[in-house]
């Protein structure tokens, strides 16, 4: 939870709002509507001075994430990234705006390539703007970032491996190097902490270079080994891995988001009947968590919330139900019809997907819920939003 000692909300804009990190930052800010007002940004603002001027005038803080990461011609990457920085600073100077600008640079600043050069020079251009205009600037030097919804073959090797393993492709290790990683939600927290730190300081110039600490050092081959284990245990056998380690939990939540849920769920459970009655295994685990049971009356809907960290499973063992999922920030709904009387079935809830379960039959629905962590009424992992 974040706190701020001021009466007004912080108005935050994000260039590259629709990208990997931008999406997570935008959605996280939306969890605190009493603290942050999100100022919308579209990539075409860079080509429309009027819209760009209005954008910078509207923001107390701007997180500059927009950048080109890959292109056949490295010179295009360099020129594009420098141009975006100059357009943003030019807009601020033309309008007399002095937002706190936070810039996403990279540890590739240290490498001899044009992408790294564009990041280092872009950071220095922002520093110069802040000093000349008595504004605030935070230059973030960021290690490799991974997490749900990253673009395969673009954002990270983790995204590429997860996509390949869930789509029957064979991953290949080009260079088995050692990676310094940070999970995207951990990076987002650093951005928000810095926004709040500077929010009350209205006057004077303050520039900083913040080397974002990595939270995991691991070889590429070890990442692939963990993901292969997720594929064989969870994807193929339905067994949840041990999620006690934060990195393994984050890696698993990342992996799950690359599954084609429309084709993968619902998963039928093996129902065993004899003269005593019936028996069915609803979840197989390599770690703990909390299991609960509910009955839902006809016409009643439970849920309409999402998690940012916890894995969860719904197992319908009696009655007819519809489970709905929708990824936060999108309109597409996934609908799964389950009949526990005929085929006891399960659907798992990815993080950042709001979900519910509705009784669409005439009898009570019996559902067993498993969640990867024990319920804590003071926890901020669960947020309510209608599917």
Protein backbone atom coordinates (compact mmCIF):
# COMPACT_ATOMS: atom_id res chain seq x y z
CA UNK A 1 0.00 0.00 0.00
CA UNK A 2 1.19 3.52 -0.80
CA UNK A 3 0.65 6.65 1.24
CA UNK A 4 1.09 10.33 0.44
CA UNK A 5 0.78 13.34 2.72
CA UNK A 6 -1.02 15.75 0.42
CA UNK A 7 -4.57 16.67 -0.42
CA UNK A 8 -4.34 16.48 -4.20
CA UNK A 9 -3.80 13.44 -6.37
CA UNK A 10 -0.65 13.00 -8.42
CA UNK A 11 -1.35 13.23 -12.15
CA UNK A 12 0.81 10.63 -13.90
CA UNK A 13 1.34 10.11 -17.61
CA UNK A 14 3.16 7.18 -19.18
CA UNK A 15 4.71 7.29 -22.65
CA UNK A 16 4.69 3.75 -23.96
CA UNK A 17 1.55 3.21 -21.90
CA UNK A 18 0.45 0.21 -23.99
CA UNK A 19 3.80 -1.57 -23.80
CA UNK A 20 4.91 -4.32 -21.43
CA UNK A 21 6.10 -2.21 -18.49
CA UNK A 22 3.68 0.61 -19.29
CA UNK A 23 0.66 -1.69 -19.04
CA UNK A 24 1.71 -2.96 -15.61
CA UNK A 25 2.46 0.53 -14.32
CA UNK A 26 -0.80 1.95 -15.70
CA UNK A 27 -2.87 -0.88 -14.19
CA UNK A 28 -1.11 -0.66 -10.83
CA UNK A 29 -1.70 3.09 -10.58
CA UNK A 30 -5.36 2.34 -11.27
CA UNK A 31 -5.52 0.32 -8.06
CA UNK A 32 -5.15 3.57 -6.09
CA UNK A 33 -7.75 5.96 -7.57
CA UNK A 34 -7.63 8.22 -4.49
CA UNK A 35 -3.91 8.85 -5.00
CA UNK A 36 -3.23 8.88 -8.73
CA UNK A 37 -4.97 10.31 -11.76
CA UNK A 38 -3.78 8.56 -14.90
CA UNK A 39 -3.31 10.93 -17.84
CA UNK A 40 -3.89 8.91 -21.05
CA UNK A 41 -1.17 8.74 -23.68
CA UNK A 42 -1.17 7.40 -27.25
CA UNK A 43 1.95 6.85 -29.31
CA UNK A 44 0.68 9.21 -32.02
CA UNK A 45 1.06 12.13 -29.59
CA UNK A 46 4.72 12.27 -30.59
CA UNK A 47 3.61 13.20 -34.10
CA UNK A 48 0.99 15.71 -32.94
CA UNK A 49 2.50 18.70 -31.09
CA UNK A 50 -0.90 19.95 -29.90
CA UNK A 51 -1.70 16.66 -28.19
CA UNK A 52 1.82 16.32 -26.82
CA UNK A 53 1.73 19.86 -25.41
CA UNK A 54 -1.60 19.17 -23.71
CA UNK A 55 -0.23 15.91 -22.32
CA UNK A 56 2.86 17.43 -20.68
CA UNK A 57 0.80 20.32 -19.30
CA UNK A 58 -1.57 17.84 -17.65
CA UNK A 59 1.05 15.79 -15.80
CA UNK A 60 2.73 16.15 -12.42
CA UNK A 61 4.94 13.18 -13.34
CA UNK A 62 5.77 11.54 -16.66
CA UNK A 63 7.29 8.08 -16.88
CA UNK A 64 9.05 7.93 -20.25
CA UNK A 65 8.99 4.30 -21.35
CA UNK A 66 8.42 4.76 -25.08
CA UNK A 67 11.43 3.45 -27.00
CA UNK A 68 12.50 1.20 -29.84
CA UNK A 69 14.28 -1.93 -28.64
CA UNK A 70 14.83 -3.88 -31.83
CA UNK A 71 15.33 -3.07 -35.52
CA UNK A 72 17.42 -4.48 -38.35
CA UNK A 73 19.31 -1.19 -38.47
CA UNK A 74 20.77 -0.17 -35.06
CA UNK A 75 21.09 3.41 -36.28
CA UNK A 76 17.29 3.60 -36.55
CA UNK A 77 17.02 2.51 -32.91
CA UNK A 78 19.45 5.22 -31.83
CA UNK A 79 17.84 8.01 -33.84
CA UNK A 80 14.29 7.02 -32.82
CA UNK A 81 15.03 6.92 -29.10
CA UNK A 82 16.92 10.22 -29.08
CA UNK A 83 14.15 11.83 -31.13
CA UNK A 84 11.49 10.75 -28.61
CA UNK A 85 13.47 12.28 -25.74
CA UNK A 86 13.91 15.57 -27.61
CA UNK A 87 10.24 15.75 -28.57
CA UNK A 88 9.24 15.33 -24.93
CA UNK A 89 11.68 17.93 -23.57
CA UNK A 90 10.85 20.34 -26.41
CA UNK A 91 7.15 20.05 -25.53
CA UNK A 92 7.90 20.78 -21.88
CA UNK A 93 9.96 23.86 -22.75
CA UNK A 94 7.42 25.14 -25.28
CA UNK A 95 4.65 25.01 -22.68
CA UNK A 96 6.71 25.93 -19.63
CA UNK A 97 5.84 22.58 -18.07
CA UNK A 98 8.05 21.08 -15.36
CA UNK A 99 6.75 17.59 -14.58
CA UNK A 100 8.91 15.12 -12.69
CA UNK A 101 10.23 12.97 -15.53
CA UNK A 102 11.24 9.38 -14.83
CA UNK A 103 13.21 7.73 -17.64
CA UNK A 104 13.69 4.02 -18.23
CA UNK A 105 17.30 3.46 -19.20
CA UNK A 106 19.03 0.13 -19.25
CA UNK A 107 22.11 -1.65 -17.96
CA UNK A 108 23.00 -1.84 -21.66
CA UNK A 109 24.28 1.72 -21.18
CA UNK A 110 27.55 -0.01 -20.33
CA UNK A 111 27.68 -1.94 -23.61
CA UNK A 112 29.13 -0.80 -26.90
CA UNK A 113 25.92 -0.78 -28.93
CA UNK A 114 23.68 1.95 -30.32
CA UNK A 115 20.69 0.94 -28.19
CA UNK A 116 22.74 1.37 -25.02
CA UNK A 117 24.18 4.62 -26.39
CA UNK A 118 20.68 5.95 -27.06
CA UNK A 119 19.67 5.18 -23.49
CA UNK A 120 22.72 6.83 -21.93
CA UNK A 121 22.53 9.93 -24.11
CA UNK A 122 18.77 10.15 -23.60
CA UNK A 123 19.27 10.12 -19.84
CA UNK A 124 21.85 12.91 -20.09
CA UNK A 125 19.52 14.98 -22.29
CA UNK A 126 16.81 14.72 -19.63
CA UNK A 127 19.31 15.67 -16.91
CA UNK A 128 20.31 18.76 -18.87
CA UNK A 129 16.65 19.74 -19.38
CA UNK A 130 15.92 19.35 -15.65
CA UNK A 131 18.91 21.45 -14.60
CA UNK A 132 18.15 24.23 -17.10
CA UNK A 133 14.47 24.36 -16.15
CA UNK A 134 14.75 23.72 -12.39
CA UNK A 135 12.75 20.51 -12.68
CA UNK A 136 12.96 17.01 -11.24
CA UNK A 137 14.40 14.06 -13.15
CA UNK A 138 14.96 10.40 -12.20
CA UNK A 139 17.03 8.27 -14.55
CA UNK A 140 16.33 4.58 -13.95
CA UNK A 141 19.08 2.17 -15.03
CA UNK A 142 17.12 -1.07 -15.21
CA UNK A 143 18.26 -4.72 -15.41
CA UNK A 144 16.41 -7.37 -17.44
CA UNK A 145 12.67 -7.27 -16.74
CA UNK A 146 10.29 -10.24 -16.93
CA UNK A 147 6.64 -10.80 -16.12
CA UNK A 148 3.18 -11.55 -17.52
CA UNK A 149 2.16 -10.21 -20.93
CA UNK A 150 5.67 -9.51 -22.19
CA UNK A 151 6.06 -9.78 -25.96
CA UNK A 152 7.86 -12.97 -27.11
CA UNK A 153 11.01 -12.45 -29.20
CA UNK A 154 11.06 -8.82 -28.07
CA UNK A 155 10.82 -8.05 -24.35
CA UNK A 156 12.77 -10.89 -22.73
CA UNK A 157 14.04 -14.42 -23.13
CA UNK A 158 11.55 -15.42 -20.40
CA UNK A 159 8.64 -14.25 -22.56
CA UNK A 160 10.05 -16.12 -25.54
CA UNK A 161 10.57 -19.38 -23.63
CA UNK A 162 7.08 -19.21 -22.04
CA UNK A 163 5.44 -18.66 -25.42
CA UNK A 164 7.40 -21.48 -27.04
CA UNK A 165 6.72 -24.03 -24.30
CA UNK A 166 2.98 -23.34 -24.24
CA UNK A 167 2.69 -23.43 -28.05
CA UNK A 168 4.53 -26.68 -28.79
CA UNK A 169 7.70 -24.94 -29.97
CA UNK A 170 11.23 -25.96 -29.03
CA UNK A 171 13.22 -23.31 -27.12
CA UNK A 172 16.87 -22.86 -27.99
CA UNK A 173 19.60 -21.29 -25.88
CA UNK A 174 21.76 -19.02 -28.02
CA UNK A 175 24.12 -17.94 -25.22
CA UNK A 176 23.90 -19.49 -21.75
CA UNK A 177 24.72 -16.27 -19.98
CA UNK A 178 23.95 -15.21 -16.44
CA UNK A 179 21.01 -12.80 -16.25
CA UNK A 180 20.27 -10.18 -13.62
CA UNK A 181 16.49 -10.03 -13.44
CA UNK A 182 13.74 -8.00 -11.84
CA UNK A 183 10.05 -8.90 -11.89
CA UNK A 184 7.89 -6.24 -13.53
CA UNK A 185 5.79 -5.62 -10.39
CA UNK A 186 8.98 -5.03 -8.40
CA UNK A 187 10.09 -2.47 -10.98
CA UNK A 188 6.68 -0.78 -10.93
CA UNK A 189 7.00 -0.34 -7.17
CA UNK A 190 10.30 1.50 -7.67
CA UNK A 191 8.63 3.88 -10.13
CA UNK A 192 5.73 4.58 -7.78
CA UNK A 193 8.01 5.03 -4.78
CA UNK A 194 10.02 7.63 -6.71
CA UNK A 195 6.89 9.43 -7.94
CA UNK A 196 5.65 9.77 -4.37
CA UNK A 197 9.06 10.77 -3.04
CA UNK A 198 9.16 13.81 -5.33
CA UNK A 199 5.42 14.57 -5.33
CA UNK A 200 5.54 17.11 -2.53
CA UNK A 201 8.74 18.84 -3.64
CA UNK A 202 7.45 21.56 -5.95
CA UNK A 203 10.44 23.89 -6.30
CA UNK A 204 14.05 23.61 -7.34
CA UNK A 205 15.98 21.14 -9.46
CA UNK A 206 16.69 17.59 -8.42
CA UNK A 207 18.28 15.04 -10.74
CA UNK A 208 19.28 11.50 -9.88
CA UNK A 209 20.48 8.32 -11.49
CA UNK A 210 18.86 5.35 -9.81
CA UNK A 211 20.44 1.96 -10.50
CA UNK A 212 17.49 -0.38 -10.00
CA UNK A 213 18.67 -3.42 -8.01
CA UNK A 214 18.07 -6.80 -9.60
CA UNK A 215 16.30 -9.37 -7.45
CA UNK A 216 17.55 -12.56 -9.09
CA UNK A 217 20.75 -13.72 -10.76
CA UNK A 218 20.27 -16.88 -12.80
CA UNK A 219 21.62 -18.57 -15.90
CA UNK A 220 19.48 -18.84 -19.02
CA UNK A 221 19.67 -22.65 -18.85
CA UNK A 222 18.34 -22.60 -15.27
CA UNK A 223 15.38 -20.45 -16.31
CA UNK A 224 14.57 -22.89 -19.10
CA UNK A 225 14.88 -25.84 -16.73
CA UNK A 226 12.36 -24.29 -14.33
CA UNK A 227 9.96 -23.51 -17.19
CA UNK A 228 10.31 -27.04 -18.58
CA UNK A 229 9.36 -28.31 -15.13
CA UNK A 230 6.27 -26.07 -15.17
CA UNK A 231 5.34 -27.49 -18.55
CA UNK A 232 5.69 -31.13 -17.52
CA UNK A 233 4.12 -30.78 -14.06
CA UNK A 234 1.43 -28.13 -14.47
CA UNK A 235 0.77 -27.82 -18.20
CA UNK A 236 0.78 -31.56 -18.89
CA UNK A 237 -0.12 -33.15 -15.52
CA UNK A 238 -2.05 -30.41 -13.72
CA UNK A 239 0.28 -30.31 -10.71
CA UNK A 240 1.05 -26.90 -9.20
CA UNK A 241 4.75 -26.39 -8.53
CA UNK A 242 6.18 -25.22 -5.23
CA UNK A 243 5.43 -21.49 -5.14
CA UNK A 244 7.02 -20.64 -1.78
CA UNK A 245 10.00 -18.90 -3.38
CA UNK A 246 9.00 -15.43 -4.70
CA UNK A 247 11.02 -15.83 -7.91
CA UNK A 248 9.47 -19.22 -8.68
CA UNK A 249 6.00 -17.80 -7.97
CA UNK A 250 6.62 -14.84 -10.29
CA UNK A 251 8.06 -17.08 -12.98
CA UNK A 252 5.08 -19.45 -12.73
CA UNK A 253 2.56 -16.59 -12.94
CA UNK A 254 4.42 -15.39 -16.01
CA UNK A 255 4.34 -18.84 -17.59
CA UNK A 256 0.61 -19.29 -16.98
CA UNK A 257 -0.25 -16.07 -18.81
CA UNK A 258 1.08 -17.48 -22.09
CA UNK A 259 -1.33 -20.42 -22.07
CA UNK A 260 -4.21 -20.26 -24.55
CA UNK A 261 -6.88 -20.37 -21.85
CA UNK A 262 -9.76 -20.68 -24.29
CA UNK A 263 -8.36 -24.01 -25.46
CA UNK A 264 -6.78 -25.17 -22.21
CA UNK A 265 -9.82 -24.85 -19.90
CA UNK A 266 -11.97 -26.25 -18.48
CA UNK A 267 -9.88 -29.26 -17.46
CA UNK A 268 -11.92 -32.36 -16.72
CA UNK A 269 -11.18 -34.15 -13.46
CA UNK A 270 -11.04 -37.93 -13.06
CA UNK A 271 -14.24 -39.01 -11.30
CA UNK A 272 -14.16 -42.37 -9.54
CA UNK A 273 -17.43 -44.06 -8.52
CA UNK A 274 -18.11 -47.15 -6.43
CA UNK A 275 -20.84 -48.39 -4.07
CA UNK A 276 -19.71 -45.92 -1.41
CA UNK A 277 -20.16 -42.87 -3.66
CA UNK A 278 -17.73 -40.81 -5.72
CA UNK A 279 -14.20 -39.44 -5.36
CA UNK A 280 -12.30 -36.83 -7.34
CA UNK A 281 -8.94 -35.08 -6.87
CA UNK A 282 -9.40 -31.34 -7.36
CA UNK A 283 -5.84 -30.03 -7.00
CA UNK A 284 -2.36 -31.50 -6.77
CA UNK A 285 0.26 -29.34 -5.08
CA UNK A 286 3.94 -29.12 -4.36
CA UNK A 287 3.35 -26.26 -1.93
CA UNK A 288 0.73 -25.06 0.52
CA UNK A 289 -2.00 -22.47 0.30
CA UNK A 290 -5.61 -22.42 1.36
CA UNK A 291 -8.48 -24.67 0.30
CA UNK A 292 -12.08 -23.61 0.82
CA UNK A 293 -15.54 -24.87 -0.11
CA UNK A 294 -18.69 -23.01 -1.07
CA UNK A 295 -22.24 -23.53 -2.19
CA UNK A 296 -23.79 -21.01 -4.57
CA UNK A 297 -27.54 -20.66 -4.99
CA UNK A 298 -29.19 -20.48 -8.45
CA UNK A 299 -28.71 -17.12 -10.17
CA UNK A 300 -26.01 -15.96 -7.73
CA UNK A 301 -22.60 -14.70 -8.90
CA UNK A 302 -19.49 -14.88 -6.74
CA UNK A 303 -16.20 -13.08 -7.32
CA UNK A 304 -15.67 -10.14 -9.69
CA UNK A 305 -12.18 -9.56 -8.38
CA UNK A 306 -8.62 -10.13 -9.52
CA UNK A 307 -5.26 -10.89 -7.94
CA UNK A 308 -1.88 -9.35 -8.67
CA UNK A 309 0.17 -12.12 -7.07
CA UNK A 310 -1.80 -15.22 -6.06
CA UNK A 311 -2.56 -18.29 -8.15
CA UNK A 312 -6.11 -19.62 -7.75
CA UNK A 313 -8.20 -22.60 -8.90
CA UNK A 314 -11.98 -23.07 -9.05
CA UNK A 315 -13.15 -26.71 -9.03
CA UNK A 316 -16.87 -27.23 -9.70
CA UNK A 317 -17.90 -30.63 -8.37
CA UNK A 318 -21.70 -30.31 -8.41
CA UNK A 319 -24.17 -28.19 -10.32
CA UNK A 320 -24.00 -26.03 -13.43
CA UNK A 321 -21.85 -22.93 -13.46
CA UNK A 322 -20.29 -20.40 -15.82
CA UNK A 323 -16.87 -19.00 -15.00
CA UNK A 324 -15.96 -15.69 -16.65
CA UNK A 325 -12.49 -14.14 -16.98
CA UNK A 326 -11.34 -10.82 -18.42
CA UNK A 327 -7.83 -9.44 -18.47
CA UNK A 328 -7.67 -6.03 -16.78
CA UNK A 329 -7.55 -3.24 -19.34
CA UNK A 330 -9.23 -5.29 -22.09
CA UNK A 331 -12.82 -5.97 -23.14
CA UNK A 332 -12.49 -9.61 -24.22
CA UNK A 333 -14.32 -12.08 -21.97
CA UNK A 334 -13.54 -15.77 -21.65
CA UNK A 335 -16.54 -17.95 -20.73
CA UNK A 336 -16.29 -21.52 -19.45
CA UNK A 337 -19.37 -23.70 -18.88
CA UNK A 338 -18.94 -26.39 -16.23
CA UNK A 339 -21.31 -29.17 -15.15
CA UNK A 340 -20.08 -30.73 -11.94
CA UNK A 341 -22.72 -33.48 -12.00
CA UNK A 342 -21.49 -34.85 -15.36
CA UNK A 343 -17.84 -33.80 -15.48
CA UNK A 344 -16.26 -32.24 -12.40
CA UNK A 345 -13.89 -29.65 -13.87
CA UNK A 346 -11.43 -26.90 -12.96
CA UNK A 347 -10.47 -23.47 -14.27
CA UNK A 348 -7.37 -21.63 -13.02
CA UNK A 349 -7.27 -17.85 -12.63
CA UNK A 350 -4.25 -16.01 -14.07
CA UNK A 351 -3.11 -12.90 -12.22
CA UNK A 352 -4.50 -9.58 -13.54
CA UNK A 353 -7.62 -11.39 -14.80
CA UNK A 354 -10.85 -10.40 -13.05
CA UNK A 355 -13.03 -13.46 -12.61
CA UNK A 356 -16.36 -14.70 -11.28
CA UNK A 357 -18.48 -17.82 -11.06
CA UNK A 358 -22.26 -17.87 -11.58
CA UNK A 359 -24.77 -20.60 -10.87
CA UNK A 360 -26.74 -21.06 -14.12
CA UNK A 361 -28.60 -24.19 -13.02
CA UNK A 362 -31.59 -24.95 -10.80
CA UNK A 363 -29.68 -26.57 -7.92
CA UNK A 364 -26.88 -25.32 -5.68
CA UNK A 365 -23.38 -25.29 -7.17
CA UNK A 366 -20.65 -26.85 -5.04
CA UNK A 367 -17.20 -25.34 -5.60
CA UNK A 368 -13.81 -26.03 -4.05
CA UNK A 369 -11.39 -23.10 -4.17
CA UNK A 370 -7.62 -23.30 -3.84
CA UNK A 371 -5.45 -20.19 -3.54
CA UNK A 372 -1.67 -20.21 -3.30
CA UNK A 373 -1.50 -18.16 -0.09
CA UNK A 374 -3.55 -18.15 3.09
CA UNK A 375 -6.27 -15.51 3.26
CA UNK A 376 -5.23 -12.31 5.00
CA UNK A 377 -7.91 -9.60 5.38
CA UNK A 378 -5.16 -6.94 5.44
CA UNK A 379 -3.53 -8.15 2.22
CA UNK A 380 -3.66 -5.80 -0.78
CA UNK A 381 -3.44 -8.53 -3.42
CA UNK A 382 -7.19 -8.71 -4.15
CA UNK A 383 -9.00 -5.92 -6.03
CA UNK A 384 -12.62 -5.85 -7.13
CA UNK A 385 -13.70 -5.12 -10.70
CA UNK A 386 -16.66 -6.46 -12.63
CA UNK A 387 -15.91 -8.94 -15.40
